[in-house]
Structure formats: C-alpha cells, structure tokens
Amino acid sequence: MAELYDVAINTLTKAGFTQYEVSNFARNGAESRHNCNYWNGGQYIGIGPGAHGRFVRAGENQMNREARIQTLEPDIWMAEVESFGHATRKAVRQTSLDILQEMILLGLRTSTGITEDRWQQFSDSSSLQSVFCDSGNLNQFIQNGLLQFDGQTLKATTRGLAVIDSILPELIVALQNYYQKHSLLGNDS
C-alpha cells in the first residue's frame, strides 16, 4: 500500500500537482476551500441526516465553540425538522482541549501544518513549544524525518504525511498530558 501511495505522489507531482493534504492534490492554487476549512479548524454548519458542525454562535467569542450532530436517520431527521425547525441531536460546547486536539488531528494532515498564530486562537495559555518541547516522541519524529518544527510551525514532512495516522495519537497524548500536568482540564468548562 505504501508503495502505491508513493507512486501516486510521484505521478501527480510530475503532472504538476501539489500535495496539500494526505490524500489531496491540486494545481495552480485550486485547493478545495471547503475541505481546507475543515483541516484549518474553520467553522462549518452541518445540515442533513448525520451531519456534524463546528461553529461559534453569533455574538459569542471564539472560545465558545459548539460541536453539533444531526439526527442520523433521514425520515426521523425530516420529522424533527418539520416539528422543531431543526434536527440537532447533540450540541456540546468544545473545550480548548477539544479544539486543539481536533487541530492536531486535522491540521497535521495538511502540508502547511499548524502555526503558532492559529494555535493561539484557541489555546488558553499554551504554545506549541510549551506543549511539545518536552515530548520525546516529537523529537524522535523530527529526528526520523517525519515532522518538522521551527518554533512557529509544526508540520509533517512528505514522509510523515504517509504515516501521519500513526504519529497523531502520540501527539494527542502529549497534549493531554500537558493539560493534565498544568491542571487546565477543568479551567475551560
């Protein structure tokens, strides 16, 4: 499978495409703005059976972001929309830890990675450096040529993108450990 992935990357690169996410390529700046919005932690509204959304309600600050899930079954979804005006099955306020975990899971799938500026939009008191500087795993990933970190941007290398799903859990654990160590888990409920 890895060999086929490498062949696809090489073939697309030779044809003038640039890899901008694990499984997405584009030419001449034609990246999918829709998908980039997800990967960059943007807001989106999920409409339809089983849809998910992440957004800040009008008039609230960025730290009051909600995750919403719509009813899964189409017939029940339609009946709820007709009866209640919506079919939101679950709405949960996301903590900064929730948002930062999603940022790691989605942002590191992209060729641009996660910037300190973007991190600071959702972090209460941490920086990329403070969270990951003591992570032996991060240093190992950097030494193995899978990740790059210059103090301002954390991103996967081309080799790292191919195995990003095996890297992400360790970075999530490092973030959770940082929050637990600094007693931040209860501070943004």
N, C-alpha and C. Protein backbone atom coordinates (compact mmCIF):
# COMPACT_ATOMS: atom_id res chain seq x y z
N MET A 1 0.83 -1.19 0.00
CA MET A 1 0.00 0.00 0.00
C MET A 1 0.88 1.26 0.00
N ALA A 2 1.92 1.26 0.80
CA ALA A 2 2.82 2.42 0.87
C ALA A 2 3.48 2.67 -0.48
N GLU A 3 3.80 1.60 -1.18
CA GLU A 3 4.43 1.74 -2.50
C GLU A 3 3.46 2.39 -3.48
N LEU A 4 2.21 1.99 -3.44
CA LEU A 4 1.19 2.57 -4.31
C LEU A 4 1.00 4.06 -3.98
N TYR A 5 1.04 4.41 -2.71
CA TYR A 5 0.93 5.81 -2.28
C TYR A 5 2.09 6.63 -2.85
N ASP A 6 3.30 6.08 -2.76
CA ASP A 6 4.48 6.77 -3.31
C ASP A 6 4.37 6.95 -4.82
N VAL A 7 3.87 5.93 -5.51
CA VAL A 7 3.70 6.03 -6.97
C VAL A 7 2.69 7.13 -7.29
N ALA A 8 1.59 7.18 -6.54
CA ALA A 8 0.57 8.21 -6.77
C ALA A 8 1.16 9.61 -6.57
N ILE A 9 1.91 9.79 -5.49
CA ILE A 9 2.52 11.10 -5.21
C ILE A 9 3.48 11.49 -6.34
N ASN A 10 4.34 10.57 -6.74
CA ASN A 10 5.31 10.86 -7.81
C ASN A 10 4.62 11.17 -9.14
N THR A 11 3.60 10.39 -9.47
CA THR A 11 2.87 10.60 -10.72
C THR A 11 2.18 11.96 -10.73
N LEU A 12 1.49 12.28 -9.65
CA LEU A 12 0.79 13.56 -9.56
C LEU A 12 1.76 14.74 -9.55
N THR A 13 2.87 14.59 -8.85
CA THR A 13 3.87 15.66 -8.80
C THR A 13 4.44 15.93 -10.18
N LYS A 14 4.77 14.87 -10.92
CA LYS A 14 5.29 15.02 -12.29
C LYS A 14 4.27 15.67 -13.22
N ALA A 15 2.99 15.49 -12.91
CA ALA A 15 1.92 16.07 -13.73
C ALA A 15 1.59 17.51 -13.30
N GLY A 16 2.36 18.04 -12.35
CA GLY A 16 2.16 19.44 -11.94
C GLY A 16 1.23 19.66 -10.78
N PHE A 17 0.86 18.59 -10.09
CA PHE A 17 0.00 18.73 -8.93
C PHE A 17 0.85 18.86 -7.66
N THR A 18 0.34 19.60 -6.69
CA THR A 18 1.00 19.76 -5.40
C THR A 18 0.15 19.09 -4.33
N GLN A 19 0.81 18.33 -3.47
CA GLN A 19 0.09 17.70 -2.37
C GLN A 19 -0.14 18.73 -1.28
N TYR A 20 -1.41 18.94 -0.93
CA TYR A 20 -1.70 19.90 0.12
C TYR A 20 -2.37 19.26 1.33
N GLU A 21 -2.64 17.97 1.24
CA GLU A 21 -3.20 17.19 2.35
C GLU A 21 -2.86 15.74 2.07
N VAL A 22 -2.97 14.88 3.06
CA VAL A 22 -2.57 13.47 2.92
C VAL A 22 -3.05 12.87 1.61
N SER A 23 -4.31 13.07 1.27
CA SER A 23 -4.85 12.42 0.07
C SER A 23 -5.43 13.42 -0.92
N ASN A 24 -4.95 14.67 -0.89
CA ASN A 24 -5.47 15.68 -1.80
C ASN A 24 -4.35 16.42 -2.49
N PHE A 25 -4.53 16.62 -3.78
CA PHE A 25 -3.55 17.28 -4.63
C PHE A 25 -4.29 18.31 -5.48
N ALA A 26 -3.60 19.37 -5.87
CA ALA A 26 -4.21 20.38 -6.73
C ALA A 26 -3.14 21.06 -7.57
N ARG A 27 -3.57 21.69 -8.63
CA ARG A 27 -2.70 22.50 -9.48
C ARG A 27 -3.11 23.96 -9.36
N ASN A 28 -2.14 24.82 -9.56
CA ASN A 28 -2.40 26.25 -9.71
C ASN A 28 -3.30 26.84 -8.64
N GLY A 29 -3.12 26.45 -7.39
CA GLY A 29 -3.91 27.03 -6.31
C GLY A 29 -5.37 26.61 -6.29
N ALA A 30 -5.71 25.48 -6.89
CA ALA A 30 -7.10 25.03 -6.96
C ALA A 30 -7.47 24.10 -5.81
N GLU A 31 -6.89 24.32 -4.64
CA GLU A 31 -7.22 23.51 -3.48
C GLU A 31 -8.69 23.68 -3.12
N SER A 32 -9.28 22.65 -2.58
CA SER A 32 -10.67 22.72 -2.15
C SER A 32 -10.79 23.61 -0.92
N ARG A 33 -11.40 24.77 -1.08
CA ARG A 33 -11.58 25.68 0.05
C ARG A 33 -12.47 25.04 1.11
N HIS A 34 -13.46 24.27 0.65
CA HIS A 34 -14.38 23.58 1.55
C HIS A 34 -13.61 22.66 2.50
N ASN A 35 -12.78 21.79 1.95
CA ASN A 35 -12.01 20.86 2.79
C ASN A 35 -10.94 21.58 3.60
N CYS A 36 -10.29 22.57 3.01
CA CYS A 36 -9.26 23.32 3.76
C CYS A 36 -9.86 23.97 4.99
N ASN A 37 -11.11 24.40 4.90
CA ASN A 37 -11.77 24.99 6.06
C ASN A 37 -11.83 23.98 7.22
N TYR A 38 -12.17 22.73 6.94
CA TYR A 38 -12.19 21.70 7.99
C TYR A 38 -10.79 21.52 8.58
N TRP A 39 -9.82 21.31 7.70
CA TRP A 39 -8.47 20.98 8.14
C TRP A 39 -7.82 22.12 8.91
N ASN A 40 -8.25 23.35 8.63
CA ASN A 40 -7.68 24.50 9.32
C ASN A 40 -8.49 24.94 10.53
N GLY A 41 -9.45 24.11 10.92
CA GLY A 41 -10.22 24.40 12.13
C GLY A 41 -11.25 25.49 11.97
N GLY A 42 -11.70 25.71 10.74
CA GLY A 42 -12.71 26.74 10.50
C GLY A 42 -14.09 26.31 10.96
N GLN A 43 -15.01 27.24 10.90
CA GLN A 43 -16.37 26.95 11.30
C GLN A 43 -17.14 26.36 10.13
N TYR A 44 -18.09 25.47 10.44
CA TYR A 44 -18.96 24.93 9.41
C TYR A 44 -20.23 24.43 10.05
N ILE A 45 -21.31 24.52 9.32
CA ILE A 45 -22.61 24.08 9.80
C ILE A 45 -22.94 22.79 9.09
N GLY A 46 -23.33 21.78 9.85
CA GLY A 46 -23.73 20.50 9.27
C GLY A 46 -25.24 20.46 9.10
N ILE A 47 -25.69 20.28 7.86
CA ILE A 47 -27.11 20.23 7.56
C ILE A 47 -27.40 18.90 6.88
N GLY A 48 -28.36 18.19 7.39
CA GLY A 48 -28.76 16.92 6.80
C GLY A 48 -28.56 15.78 7.78
N PRO A 49 -29.14 14.64 7.47
CA PRO A 49 -29.06 13.49 8.36
C PRO A 49 -27.62 13.10 8.67
N GLY A 50 -27.29 13.01 9.95
CA GLY A 50 -25.97 12.58 10.39
C GLY A 50 -24.87 13.63 10.26
N ALA A 51 -25.21 14.83 9.82
CA ALA A 51 -24.19 15.86 9.61
C ALA A 51 -23.62 16.36 10.94
N HIS A 52 -22.37 16.80 10.87
CA HIS A 52 -21.67 17.37 12.02
C HIS A 52 -21.35 18.82 11.70
N GLY A 53 -21.30 19.65 12.72
CA GLY A 53 -20.93 21.04 12.54
C GLY A 53 -20.05 21.50 13.70
N ARG A 54 -19.26 22.53 13.44
CA ARG A 54 -18.41 23.16 14.45
C ARG A 54 -18.52 24.65 14.21
N PHE A 55 -19.08 25.38 15.17
CA PHE A 55 -19.22 26.82 14.96
C PHE A 55 -19.39 27.56 16.28
N VAL A 56 -19.20 28.86 16.18
CA VAL A 56 -19.40 29.77 17.30
C VAL A 56 -20.72 30.48 17.03
N ARG A 57 -21.61 30.45 18.02
CA ARG A 57 -22.90 31.13 17.85
C ARG A 57 -22.67 32.63 17.70
N ALA A 58 -23.51 33.27 16.95
CA ALA A 58 -23.40 34.72 16.72
C ALA A 58 -23.35 35.46 18.05
N GLY A 59 -22.43 36.41 18.15
CA GLY A 59 -22.30 37.23 19.34
C GLY A 59 -21.45 36.64 20.45
N GLU A 60 -20.92 35.43 20.25
CA GLU A 60 -20.09 34.81 21.27
C GLU A 60 -18.63 34.85 20.82
N ASN A 61 -17.72 34.67 21.80
CA ASN A 61 -16.30 34.70 21.43
C ASN A 61 -15.84 33.35 20.92
N GLN A 62 -14.69 33.33 20.31
CA GLN A 62 -14.12 32.15 19.65
C GLN A 62 -14.02 30.95 20.59
N MET A 63 -13.86 31.19 21.88
CA MET A 63 -13.69 30.08 22.84
C MET A 63 -15.02 29.41 23.18
N ASN A 64 -16.14 29.90 22.68
CA ASN A 64 -17.45 29.29 22.92
C ASN A 64 -17.93 28.54 21.69
N ARG A 65 -17.11 27.67 21.22
CA ARG A 65 -17.40 26.90 20.01
C ARG A 65 -18.22 25.67 20.37
N GLU A 66 -19.18 25.33 19.52
CA GLU A 66 -20.02 24.16 19.73
C GLU A 66 -19.75 23.10 18.66
N ALA A 67 -19.87 21.85 19.09
CA ALA A 67 -19.90 20.72 18.16
C ALA A 67 -21.34 20.26 18.13
N ARG A 68 -21.90 20.14 16.94
CA ARG A 68 -23.29 19.71 16.81
C ARG A 68 -23.39 18.51 15.89
N ILE A 69 -24.27 17.62 16.26
CA ILE A 69 -24.52 16.41 15.47
C ILE A 69 -26.01 16.33 15.18
N GLN A 70 -26.33 16.09 13.92
CA GLN A 70 -27.72 15.98 13.50
C GLN A 70 -28.18 14.52 13.61
N THR A 71 -29.49 14.35 13.75
CA THR A 71 -30.10 13.03 13.77
C THR A 71 -29.65 12.25 12.54
N LEU A 72 -29.33 10.97 12.73
CA LEU A 72 -28.77 10.16 11.66
C LEU A 72 -29.80 9.68 10.64
N GLU A 73 -30.94 9.20 11.09
CA GLU A 73 -31.92 8.57 10.21
C GLU A 73 -32.67 9.62 9.39
N PRO A 74 -32.69 9.50 8.05
CA PRO A 74 -33.32 10.53 7.21
C PRO A 74 -34.79 10.82 7.53
N ASP A 75 -35.60 9.79 7.71
CA ASP A 75 -37.03 10.02 7.98
C ASP A 75 -37.24 10.72 9.32
N ILE A 76 -36.49 10.29 10.32
CA ILE A 76 -36.61 10.91 11.64
C ILE A 76 -36.06 12.33 11.60
N TRP A 77 -34.95 12.52 10.87
CA TRP A 77 -34.37 13.86 10.72
C TRP A 77 -35.41 14.82 10.13
N MET A 78 -36.09 14.40 9.05
CA MET A 78 -37.08 15.25 8.40
C MET A 78 -38.24 15.56 9.34
N ALA A 79 -38.70 14.55 10.08
CA ALA A 79 -39.81 14.77 11.02
C ALA A 79 -39.41 15.76 12.11
N GLU A 80 -38.19 15.67 12.60
CA GLU A 80 -37.72 16.61 13.63
C GLU A 80 -37.59 18.02 13.07
N VAL A 81 -37.11 18.15 11.85
CA VAL A 81 -37.01 19.48 11.22
C VAL A 81 -38.41 20.08 11.07
N GLU A 82 -39.35 19.27 10.62
CA GLU A 82 -40.72 19.77 10.45
C GLU A 82 -41.36 20.13 11.79
N SER A 83 -41.07 19.37 12.84
CA SER A 83 -41.68 19.61 14.16
C SER A 83 -40.98 20.70 14.95
N PHE A 84 -39.64 20.72 14.92
CA PHE A 84 -38.88 21.60 15.80
C PHE A 84 -38.08 22.68 15.09
N GLY A 85 -38.01 22.60 13.75
CA GLY A 85 -37.22 23.57 13.00
C GLY A 85 -35.77 23.19 12.85
N HIS A 86 -35.37 22.10 13.45
CA HIS A 86 -34.00 21.59 13.35
C HIS A 86 -34.02 20.12 13.78
N ALA A 87 -32.91 19.44 13.55
CA ALA A 87 -32.79 18.05 13.98
C ALA A 87 -31.46 17.83 14.70
N THR A 88 -31.06 18.83 15.47
CA THR A 88 -29.82 18.70 16.24
C THR A 88 -30.04 17.67 17.33
N ARG A 89 -29.31 16.61 17.27
CA ARG A 89 -29.43 15.53 18.24
C ARG A 89 -28.56 15.82 19.46
N LYS A 90 -27.41 16.44 19.21
CA LYS A 90 -26.49 16.69 20.30
C LYS A 90 -25.72 17.97 20.01
N ALA A 91 -25.63 18.83 21.03
CA ALA A 91 -24.82 20.05 20.92
C ALA A 91 -23.93 20.10 22.17
N VAL A 92 -22.64 20.21 21.94
CA VAL A 92 -21.68 20.19 23.04
C VAL A 92 -20.72 21.37 22.90
N ARG A 93 -20.54 22.11 23.98
CA ARG A 93 -19.55 23.17 23.96
C ARG A 93 -18.18 22.52 23.96
N GLN A 94 -17.33 22.91 23.03
CA GLN A 94 -15.99 22.36 22.95
C GLN A 94 -15.06 23.12 23.88
N THR A 95 -14.27 22.38 24.63
CA THR A 95 -13.25 22.99 25.46
C THR A 95 -12.06 23.35 24.57
N SER A 96 -11.15 24.13 25.09
CA SER A 96 -9.95 24.44 24.29
C SER A 96 -9.18 23.16 24.01
N LEU A 97 -9.17 22.20 24.95
CA LEU A 97 -8.51 20.92 24.70
C LEU A 97 -9.16 20.20 23.53
N ASP A 98 -10.49 20.17 23.48
CA ASP A 98 -11.19 19.54 22.35
C ASP A 98 -10.77 20.17 21.03
N ILE A 99 -10.76 21.50 21.00
CA ILE A 99 -10.45 22.21 19.76
C ILE A 99 -9.00 21.97 19.35
N LEU A 100 -8.07 22.01 20.31
CA LEU A 100 -6.66 21.79 20.00
C LEU A 100 -6.40 20.35 19.54
N GLN A 101 -7.12 19.39 20.14
CA GLN A 101 -6.98 18.00 19.68
C GLN A 101 -7.44 17.88 18.23
N GLU A 102 -8.57 18.50 17.89
CA GLU A 102 -9.03 18.48 16.51
C GLU A 102 -8.03 19.17 15.59
N MET A 103 -7.43 20.26 16.09
CA MET A 103 -6.45 20.98 15.29
C MET A 103 -5.26 20.07 14.97
N ILE A 104 -4.82 19.30 15.93
CA ILE A 104 -3.72 18.36 15.69
C ILE A 104 -4.15 17.29 14.70
N LEU A 105 -5.31 16.68 14.95
CA LEU A 105 -5.79 15.59 14.09
C LEU A 105 -6.00 16.02 12.65
N LEU A 106 -6.49 17.23 12.44
CA LEU A 106 -6.80 17.68 11.09
C LEU A 106 -5.68 18.51 10.48
N GLY A 107 -5.09 19.41 11.27
CA GLY A 107 -4.07 20.32 10.76
C GLY A 107 -2.80 19.62 10.32
N LEU A 108 -2.42 18.57 11.02
CA LEU A 108 -1.19 17.87 10.65
C LEU A 108 -1.38 16.96 9.44
N ARG A 109 -2.60 16.85 8.94
CA ARG A 109 -2.84 16.13 7.69
C ARG A 109 -2.48 16.99 6.48
N THR A 110 -2.27 18.29 6.73
CA THR A 110 -2.00 19.22 5.63
C THR A 110 -0.51 19.47 5.46
N SER A 111 -0.13 19.93 4.29
CA SER A 111 1.28 20.23 4.03
C SER A 111 1.73 21.48 4.79
N THR A 112 0.80 22.33 5.19
CA THR A 112 1.16 23.55 5.92
C THR A 112 1.23 23.35 7.42
N GLY A 113 0.59 22.31 7.95
CA GLY A 113 0.64 22.02 9.37
C GLY A 113 -0.12 23.01 10.22
N ILE A 114 0.39 23.22 11.43
CA ILE A 114 -0.27 24.08 12.42
C ILE A 114 0.68 25.22 12.77
N THR A 115 0.19 26.44 12.65
CA THR A 115 1.02 27.59 13.01
C THR A 115 0.75 28.02 14.45
N GLU A 116 1.72 28.67 15.04
CA GLU A 116 1.56 29.20 16.39
C GLU A 116 0.41 30.21 16.45
N ASP A 117 0.27 31.03 15.43
CA ASP A 117 -0.82 32.01 15.40
C ASP A 117 -2.18 31.32 15.47
N ARG A 118 -2.35 30.26 14.69
CA ARG A 118 -3.62 29.52 14.70
C ARG A 118 -3.83 28.85 16.05
N TRP A 119 -2.78 28.26 16.62
CA TRP A 119 -2.84 27.60 17.92
C TRP A 119 -3.31 28.59 18.99
N GLN A 120 -2.77 29.79 18.95
CA GLN A 120 -3.10 30.79 19.97
C GLN A 120 -4.55 31.25 19.90
N GLN A 121 -5.20 31.08 18.78
CA GLN A 121 -6.61 31.46 18.69
C GLN A 121 -7.48 30.61 19.60
N PHE A 122 -7.01 29.42 19.95
CA PHE A 122 -7.83 28.51 20.75
C PHE A 122 -7.18 28.08 22.06
N SER A 123 -5.93 28.38 22.25
CA SER A 123 -5.22 27.96 23.46
C SER A 123 -5.41 28.97 24.58
N ASP A 124 -5.67 28.47 25.77
CA ASP A 124 -5.80 29.35 26.92
C ASP A 124 -4.46 29.92 27.35
N SER A 125 -3.46 29.04 27.39
CA SER A 125 -2.17 29.52 27.93
C SER A 125 -0.96 28.76 27.39
N SER A 126 -1.17 27.88 26.46
CA SER A 126 -0.06 27.07 25.97
C SER A 126 0.39 27.53 24.59
N SER A 127 1.62 27.22 24.27
CA SER A 127 2.14 27.42 22.92
C SER A 127 2.50 26.05 22.37
N LEU A 128 2.69 25.96 21.08
CA LEU A 128 3.16 24.70 20.50
C LEU A 128 4.46 24.27 21.18
N GLN A 129 5.34 25.23 21.39
CA GLN A 129 6.64 24.95 22.03
C GLN A 129 6.45 24.40 23.44
N SER A 130 5.58 25.04 24.23
CA SER A 130 5.43 24.60 25.62
C SER A 130 4.79 23.22 25.72
N VAL A 131 3.88 22.92 24.81
CA VAL A 131 3.21 21.62 24.85
C VAL A 131 4.14 20.50 24.40
N PHE A 132 4.90 20.75 23.32
CA PHE A 132 5.65 19.67 22.70
C PHE A 132 7.15 19.69 22.95
N CYS A 133 7.69 20.73 23.62
CA CYS A 133 9.14 20.83 23.78
C CYS A 133 9.72 19.68 24.59
N ASP A 134 8.96 19.16 25.55
CA ASP A 134 9.46 18.06 26.37
C ASP A 134 9.04 16.70 25.85
N SER A 135 8.39 16.68 24.71
CA SER A 135 7.91 15.42 24.17
C SER A 135 9.03 14.67 23.46
N GLY A 136 9.47 13.60 24.09
CA GLY A 136 10.49 12.76 23.47
C GLY A 136 10.02 12.21 22.15
N ASN A 137 8.70 11.94 22.07
CA ASN A 137 8.15 11.42 20.82
C ASN A 137 8.28 12.43 19.70
N LEU A 138 7.99 13.70 19.98
CA LEU A 138 8.12 14.72 18.95
C LEU A 138 9.55 14.79 18.45
N ASN A 139 10.49 14.81 19.39
CA ASN A 139 11.90 14.86 18.99
C ASN A 139 12.29 13.64 18.16
N GLN A 140 11.76 12.49 18.51
CA GLN A 140 12.04 11.27 17.74
C GLN A 140 11.47 11.37 16.33
N PHE A 141 10.24 11.90 16.22
CA PHE A 141 9.62 12.07 14.91
C PHE A 141 10.43 13.05 14.05
N ILE A 142 10.95 14.09 14.68
CA ILE A 142 11.77 15.07 13.95
C ILE A 142 13.07 14.41 13.50
N GLN A 143 13.73 13.69 14.40
CA GLN A 143 14.99 13.03 14.06
C GLN A 143 14.80 11.99 12.96
N ASN A 144 13.63 11.36 12.93
CA ASN A 144 13.35 10.35 11.90
C ASN A 144 12.85 10.97 10.60
N GLY A 145 12.79 12.30 10.54
CA GLY A 145 12.39 12.97 9.31
C GLY A 145 10.91 12.90 9.01
N LEU A 146 10.08 12.72 10.06
CA LEU A 146 8.64 12.61 9.87
C LEU A 146 7.90 13.91 10.17
N LEU A 147 8.45 14.71 11.08
CA LEU A 147 7.85 16.00 11.43
C LEU A 147 8.92 17.08 11.37
N GLN A 148 8.47 18.33 11.21
CA GLN A 148 9.33 19.50 11.27
C GLN A 148 8.71 20.47 12.26
N PHE A 149 9.56 21.12 13.07
CA PHE A 149 9.07 22.13 13.99
C PHE A 149 10.13 23.21 14.11
N ASP A 150 9.76 24.43 13.73
CA ASP A 150 10.71 25.54 13.78
C ASP A 150 10.41 26.53 14.90
N GLY A 151 9.55 26.13 15.83
CA GLY A 151 9.16 27.00 16.93
C GLY A 151 7.89 27.78 16.61
N GLN A 152 7.54 27.91 15.34
CA GLN A 152 6.33 28.63 14.92
C GLN A 152 5.34 27.76 14.14
N THR A 153 5.85 26.72 13.50
CA THR A 153 5.00 25.84 12.70
C THR A 153 5.39 24.39 12.94
N LEU A 154 4.38 23.58 13.22
CA LEU A 154 4.56 22.13 13.35
C LEU A 154 3.89 21.50 12.15
N LYS A 155 4.66 20.70 11.38
CA LYS A 155 4.07 20.07 10.21
C LYS A 155 4.74 18.74 9.92
N ALA A 156 4.02 17.93 9.17
CA ALA A 156 4.56 16.64 8.74
C ALA A 156 5.38 16.84 7.48
N THR A 157 6.44 16.07 7.36
CA THR A 157 7.21 16.05 6.12
C THR A 157 6.43 15.19 5.12
N THR A 158 6.93 15.12 3.91
CA THR A 158 6.29 14.25 2.92
C THR A 158 6.25 12.82 3.43
N ARG A 159 7.37 12.37 4.00
CA ARG A 159 7.40 11.01 4.59
C ARG A 159 6.44 10.90 5.76
N GLY A 160 6.33 11.95 6.55
CA GLY A 160 5.45 11.95 7.71
C GLY A 160 3.98 11.90 7.34
N LEU A 161 3.61 12.59 6.25
CA LEU A 161 2.22 12.55 5.81
C LEU A 161 1.78 11.12 5.49
N ALA A 162 2.70 10.33 4.97
CA ALA A 162 2.36 8.94 4.60
C ALA A 162 2.02 8.08 5.82
N VAL A 163 2.52 8.47 6.99
CA VAL A 163 2.28 7.67 8.21
C VAL A 163 1.68 8.51 9.32
N ILE A 164 1.03 9.62 8.96
CA ILE A 164 0.54 10.57 9.95
C ILE A 164 -0.43 9.94 10.95
N ASP A 165 -1.22 8.97 10.52
CA ASP A 165 -2.18 8.35 11.44
C ASP A 165 -1.49 7.58 12.57
N SER A 166 -0.25 7.20 12.38
CA SER A 166 0.48 6.53 13.46
C SER A 166 1.20 7.53 14.37
N ILE A 167 1.34 8.76 13.92
CA ILE A 167 2.01 9.82 14.70
C ILE A 167 1.01 10.56 15.58
N LEU A 168 -0.17 10.81 15.06
CA LEU A 168 -1.16 11.64 15.74
C LEU A 168 -1.51 11.19 17.16
N PRO A 169 -1.73 9.90 17.41
CA PRO A 169 -2.09 9.51 18.78
C PRO A 169 -1.03 9.92 19.81
N GLU A 170 0.22 9.85 19.45
CA GLU A 170 1.27 10.22 20.41
C GLU A 170 1.27 11.72 20.68
N LEU A 171 0.96 12.51 19.68
CA LEU A 171 0.89 13.96 19.90
C LEU A 171 -0.34 14.34 20.71
N ILE A 172 -1.43 13.63 20.49
CA ILE A 172 -2.65 13.87 21.29
C ILE A 172 -2.37 13.54 22.76
N VAL A 173 -1.69 12.44 23.01
CA VAL A 173 -1.34 12.08 24.39
C VAL A 173 -0.44 13.14 25.01
N ALA A 174 0.51 13.66 24.25
CA ALA A 174 1.39 14.72 24.77
C ALA A 174 0.58 15.95 25.14
N LEU A 175 -0.40 16.32 24.32
CA LEU A 175 -1.26 17.47 24.62
C LEU A 175 -2.09 17.21 25.86
N GLN A 176 -2.69 16.03 25.95
CA GLN A 176 -3.50 15.68 27.13
C GLN A 176 -2.65 15.69 28.39
N ASN A 177 -1.44 15.15 28.30
CA ASN A 177 -0.54 15.16 29.46
C ASN A 177 -0.20 16.57 29.88
N TYR A 178 0.03 17.45 28.91
CA TYR A 178 0.33 18.84 29.21
C TYR A 178 -0.85 19.47 29.96
N TYR A 179 -2.05 19.26 29.45
CA TYR A 179 -3.24 19.82 30.10
C TYR A 179 -3.42 19.26 31.51
N GLN A 180 -3.18 17.98 31.66
CA GLN A 180 -3.33 17.37 32.98
C GLN A 180 -2.24 17.90 33.93
N LYS A 181 -1.04 17.96 33.47
CA LYS A 181 0.08 18.45 34.29
C LYS A 181 -0.14 19.89 34.74
N HIS A 182 -0.69 20.68 33.88
CA HIS A 182 -0.90 22.10 34.18
C HIS A 182 -2.31 22.39 34.67
N SER A 183 -3.04 21.33 35.00
CA SER A 183 -4.40 21.45 35.57
C SER A 183 -5.31 22.35 34.73
N LEU A 184 -5.25 22.20 33.43
CA LEU A 184 -6.06 23.00 32.54
C LEU A 184 -7.38 22.32 32.17
N LEU A 185 -7.52 21.05 32.54
CA LEU A 185 -8.69 20.31 32.12
C LEU A 185 -9.99 20.88 32.68
N GLY A 186 -9.97 21.38 33.88
CA GLY A 186 -11.20 21.92 34.47
C GLY A 186 -11.36 23.41 34.28
N ASN A 187 -10.40 24.08 33.66
CA ASN A 187 -10.44 25.54 33.59
C ASN A 187 -11.26 26.10 32.46
N ASP A 188 -11.68 25.27 31.51
CA ASP A 188 -12.45 25.84 30.39
C ASP A 188 -13.75 25.10 30.17
N SER A 189 -14.36 24.71 31.26
CA SER A 189 -15.65 24.02 31.13
C SER A 189 -16.79 24.98 30.99
